[in-house]
Amino acid sequence: MDEKFKQLTELGAADFAHINGNLIDHLQDTKDLLASWSASKVLQDAGLYHAAYGTAGFEEQMVAANQREKIAQIIGSQAEEIV
């Protein structure tokens, strides 16, 4: 299991409802879609965590906005690779 996906599990992403299922499935589907488009690993990781702080239509948050450093440590701060 990918370490970044494992961290999502530990953060409780499987416990959050999302359209047609749960949040962890949506996040993995997003990452898989980006991979199918040959997106960089950095962009795929960003897709995996794109709803960590919440999403429209759902009141709950997996991670509070004040925990951004925690998410940055998990996915890395590799913005220079996106350019």
N, C-alpha and C. Protein backbone atom coordinates (compact mmCIF):
# COMPACT_ATOMS: atom_id res chain seq x y z
N MET A 1 0.85 -1.19 0.00
CA MET A 1 0.00 0.00 0.00
C MET A 1 0.89 1.24 0.00
N ASP A 2 0.58 2.18 -0.85
CA ASP A 2 1.29 3.44 -0.93
C ASP A 2 1.21 4.16 0.42
N GLU A 3 2.32 4.72 0.86
CA GLU A 3 2.39 5.39 2.17
C GLU A 3 1.42 6.57 2.25
N LYS A 4 1.28 7.33 1.18
CA LYS A 4 0.36 8.48 1.19
C LYS A 4 -1.09 8.02 1.31
N PHE A 5 -1.42 6.91 0.65
CA PHE A 5 -2.77 6.35 0.76
C PHE A 5 -2.98 5.82 2.18
N LYS A 6 -1.98 5.18 2.73
CA LYS A 6 -2.05 4.67 4.11
C LYS A 6 -2.33 5.81 5.09
N GLN A 7 -1.70 6.95 4.88
CA GLN A 7 -1.93 8.11 5.74
C GLN A 7 -3.37 8.58 5.64
N LEU A 8 -3.96 8.55 4.44
CA LEU A 8 -5.37 8.92 4.29
C LEU A 8 -6.26 8.00 5.12
N THR A 9 -5.93 6.72 5.11
CA THR A 9 -6.68 5.76 5.90
C THR A 9 -6.58 6.11 7.38
N GLU A 10 -5.37 6.42 7.82
CA GLU A 10 -5.16 6.77 9.23
C GLU A 10 -5.85 8.08 9.61
N LEU A 11 -6.00 8.98 8.65
CA LEU A 11 -6.72 10.23 8.89
C LEU A 11 -8.24 10.03 8.89
N GLY A 12 -8.68 8.84 8.50
CA GLY A 12 -10.11 8.52 8.55
C GLY A 12 -10.88 8.79 7.27
N ALA A 13 -10.20 8.89 6.15
CA ALA A 13 -10.88 9.22 4.89
C ALA A 13 -11.97 8.22 4.53
N ALA A 14 -11.82 6.98 4.93
CA ALA A 14 -12.83 5.96 4.62
C ALA A 14 -14.11 6.17 5.42
N ASP A 15 -14.03 6.96 6.48
CA ASP A 15 -15.19 7.20 7.34
C ASP A 15 -16.04 8.37 6.88
N PHE A 16 -15.59 9.10 5.86
CA PHE A 16 -16.31 10.28 5.38
C PHE A 16 -17.12 9.93 4.14
N ALA A 17 -18.39 10.29 4.17
CA ALA A 17 -19.26 10.06 3.02
C ALA A 17 -18.87 11.01 1.90
N HIS A 18 -19.05 10.54 0.68
CA HIS A 18 -18.84 11.38 -0.48
C HIS A 18 -19.81 10.89 -1.56
N ILE A 19 -19.95 11.64 -2.61
CA ILE A 19 -20.88 11.27 -3.67
C ILE A 19 -20.56 9.85 -4.15
N ASN A 20 -21.56 9.00 -4.18
CA ASN A 20 -21.44 7.62 -4.64
C ASN A 20 -20.45 6.78 -3.84
N GLY A 21 -20.28 7.06 -2.57
CA GLY A 21 -19.38 6.23 -1.77
C GLY A 21 -18.73 7.00 -0.64
N ASN A 22 -17.46 6.71 -0.44
CA ASN A 22 -16.76 7.41 0.63
C ASN A 22 -15.61 8.24 0.06
N LEU A 23 -15.07 9.09 0.90
CA LEU A 23 -14.05 10.04 0.45
C LEU A 23 -12.79 9.34 -0.03
N ILE A 24 -12.37 8.29 0.64
CA ILE A 24 -11.11 7.64 0.25
C ILE A 24 -11.20 7.06 -1.16
N ASP A 25 -12.36 6.53 -1.52
CA ASP A 25 -12.53 6.01 -2.89
C ASP A 25 -12.47 7.15 -3.91
N HIS A 26 -13.11 8.26 -3.58
CA HIS A 26 -13.08 9.42 -4.48
C HIS A 26 -11.65 9.92 -4.67
N LEU A 27 -10.91 10.00 -3.58
CA LEU A 27 -9.53 10.49 -3.66
C LEU A 27 -8.65 9.55 -4.49
N GLN A 28 -8.81 8.25 -4.28
CA GLN A 28 -8.03 7.28 -5.06
C GLN A 28 -8.42 7.34 -6.53
N ASP A 29 -9.72 7.49 -6.81
CA ASP A 29 -10.17 7.62 -8.20
C ASP A 29 -9.57 8.85 -8.87
N THR A 30 -9.48 9.94 -8.11
CA THR A 30 -8.88 11.17 -8.63
C THR A 30 -7.42 10.94 -8.98
N LYS A 31 -6.69 10.30 -8.07
CA LYS A 31 -5.28 10.01 -8.33
C LYS A 31 -5.14 9.10 -9.55
N ASP A 32 -5.98 8.08 -9.64
CA ASP A 32 -5.93 7.15 -10.77
C ASP A 32 -6.22 7.86 -12.10
N LEU A 33 -7.17 8.78 -12.09
CA LEU A 33 -7.50 9.54 -13.29
C LEU A 33 -6.30 10.38 -13.72
N LEU A 34 -5.68 11.05 -12.76
CA LEU A 34 -4.51 11.86 -13.08
C LEU A 34 -3.38 10.99 -13.64
N ALA A 35 -3.20 9.80 -13.06
CA ALA A 35 -2.17 8.88 -13.56
C ALA A 35 -2.48 8.45 -15.00
N SER A 36 -3.77 8.22 -15.30
CA SER A 36 -4.14 7.81 -16.65
C SER A 36 -3.87 8.92 -17.67
N TRP A 37 -3.80 10.15 -17.19
CA TRP A 37 -3.47 11.30 -18.04
C TRP A 37 -1.96 11.56 -18.08
N SER A 38 -1.18 10.66 -17.47
CA SER A 38 0.28 10.79 -17.39
C SER A 38 0.72 12.01 -16.59
N ALA A 39 -0.07 12.37 -15.60
CA ALA A 39 0.30 13.48 -14.72
C ALA A 39 1.50 13.08 -13.88
N SER A 40 2.27 14.05 -13.47
CA SER A 40 3.45 13.79 -12.64
C SER A 40 3.03 13.18 -11.30
N LYS A 41 3.94 12.51 -10.65
CA LYS A 41 3.68 11.92 -9.33
C LYS A 41 3.27 13.01 -8.33
N VAL A 42 3.89 14.17 -8.43
CA VAL A 42 3.55 15.28 -7.53
C VAL A 42 2.09 15.68 -7.71
N LEU A 43 1.64 15.79 -8.95
CA LEU A 43 0.25 16.17 -9.21
C LEU A 43 -0.70 15.06 -8.78
N GLN A 44 -0.31 13.80 -8.97
CA GLN A 44 -1.13 12.69 -8.51
C GLN A 44 -1.29 12.73 -6.99
N ASP A 45 -0.21 13.03 -6.27
CA ASP A 45 -0.29 13.14 -4.81
C ASP A 45 -1.18 14.30 -4.39
N ALA A 46 -1.10 15.40 -5.12
CA ALA A 46 -1.97 16.54 -4.83
C ALA A 46 -3.43 16.15 -5.04
N GLY A 47 -3.71 15.39 -6.09
CA GLY A 47 -5.06 14.91 -6.35
C GLY A 47 -5.56 14.00 -5.25
N LEU A 48 -4.66 13.19 -4.72
CA LEU A 48 -5.01 12.27 -3.65
C LEU A 48 -5.45 13.01 -2.39
N TYR A 49 -4.93 14.21 -2.19
CA TYR A 49 -5.24 14.98 -0.99
C TYR A 49 -6.07 16.23 -1.27
N HIS A 50 -6.64 16.34 -2.47
CA HIS A 50 -7.30 17.59 -2.84
C HIS A 50 -8.51 17.95 -1.98
N ALA A 51 -9.12 17.01 -1.31
CA ALA A 51 -10.29 17.31 -0.48
C ALA A 51 -10.01 17.10 1.02
N ALA A 52 -8.76 17.15 1.39
CA ALA A 52 -8.39 16.89 2.79
C ALA A 52 -9.03 17.89 3.75
N TYR A 53 -9.22 19.12 3.29
CA TYR A 53 -9.75 20.17 4.16
C TYR A 53 -11.26 20.35 4.02
N GLY A 54 -11.88 19.54 3.21
CA GLY A 54 -13.32 19.63 3.03
C GLY A 54 -13.66 19.75 1.56
N THR A 55 -14.94 19.65 1.29
CA THR A 55 -15.42 19.74 -0.08
C THR A 55 -16.85 20.29 -0.09
N ALA A 56 -17.22 20.91 -1.16
CA ALA A 56 -18.54 21.52 -1.28
C ALA A 56 -19.63 20.47 -1.05
N GLY A 57 -20.62 20.83 -0.27
CA GLY A 57 -21.75 19.94 -0.02
C GLY A 57 -21.59 19.03 1.17
N PHE A 58 -20.42 19.03 1.79
CA PHE A 58 -20.16 18.19 2.96
C PHE A 58 -19.60 19.05 4.07
N GLU A 59 -20.22 18.98 5.23
CA GLU A 59 -19.82 19.84 6.34
C GLU A 59 -18.56 19.36 7.06
N GLU A 60 -18.34 18.06 7.10
CA GLU A 60 -17.21 17.52 7.84
C GLU A 60 -15.89 17.75 7.11
N GLN A 61 -14.83 17.83 7.91
CA GLN A 61 -13.49 17.95 7.37
C GLN A 61 -12.65 16.79 7.89
N MET A 62 -11.83 16.24 7.03
CA MET A 62 -10.92 15.19 7.45
C MET A 62 -9.76 15.80 8.24
N VAL A 63 -9.30 16.96 7.80
CA VAL A 63 -8.18 17.66 8.42
C VAL A 63 -8.56 19.13 8.54
N ALA A 64 -8.32 19.72 9.70
CA ALA A 64 -8.59 21.14 9.88
C ALA A 64 -7.56 21.97 9.10
N ALA A 65 -7.97 23.13 8.63
CA ALA A 65 -7.08 23.98 7.84
C ALA A 65 -5.81 24.35 8.59
N ASN A 66 -5.87 24.37 9.91
CA ASN A 66 -4.68 24.72 10.68
C ASN A 66 -3.66 23.57 10.76
N GLN A 67 -3.96 22.46 10.08
CA GLN A 67 -3.05 21.32 10.05
C GLN A 67 -2.37 21.16 8.68
N ARG A 68 -2.28 22.27 7.95
CA ARG A 68 -1.69 22.22 6.61
C ARG A 68 -0.26 21.70 6.62
N GLU A 69 0.49 22.02 7.65
CA GLU A 69 1.87 21.54 7.71
C GLU A 69 1.92 20.02 7.77
N LYS A 70 0.96 19.41 8.46
CA LYS A 70 0.91 17.95 8.54
C LYS A 70 0.71 17.35 7.15
N ILE A 71 -0.21 17.91 6.38
CA ILE A 71 -0.47 17.41 5.03
C ILE A 71 0.75 17.67 4.14
N ALA A 72 1.37 18.83 4.28
CA ALA A 72 2.57 19.13 3.50
C ALA A 72 3.67 18.13 3.79
N GLN A 73 3.79 17.70 5.03
CA GLN A 73 4.80 16.70 5.37
C GLN A 73 4.48 15.35 4.74
N ILE A 74 3.19 15.01 4.68
CA ILE A 74 2.79 13.73 4.10
C ILE A 74 3.04 13.71 2.59
N ILE A 75 2.55 14.73 1.90
CA ILE A 75 2.67 14.70 0.44
C ILE A 75 3.95 15.35 -0.05
N GLY A 76 4.63 16.09 0.80
CA GLY A 76 5.88 16.74 0.42
C GLY A 76 5.64 18.11 -0.15
N SER A 77 6.64 18.91 -0.11
CA SER A 77 6.53 20.26 -0.67
C SER A 77 7.43 20.30 -1.89
N GLN A 78 6.90 19.77 -2.99
CA GLN A 78 7.67 19.62 -4.21
C GLN A 78 7.11 20.50 -5.33
N ALA A 79 6.64 21.67 -4.97
CA ALA A 79 6.00 22.54 -5.95
C ALA A 79 6.91 22.86 -7.13
N GLU A 80 8.22 22.91 -6.90
CA GLU A 80 9.13 23.23 -7.99
C GLU A 80 9.09 22.17 -9.08
N GLU A 81 8.67 20.94 -8.76
CA GLU A 81 8.60 19.89 -9.76
C GLU A 81 7.37 20.03 -10.66
N ILE A 82 6.38 20.79 -10.23
CA ILE A 82 5.16 20.96 -11.01
C ILE A 82 5.40 21.87 -12.22
N VAL A 83 6.30 22.81 -12.08
CA VAL A 83 6.57 23.79 -13.14
C VAL A 83 7.11 23.15 -14.38
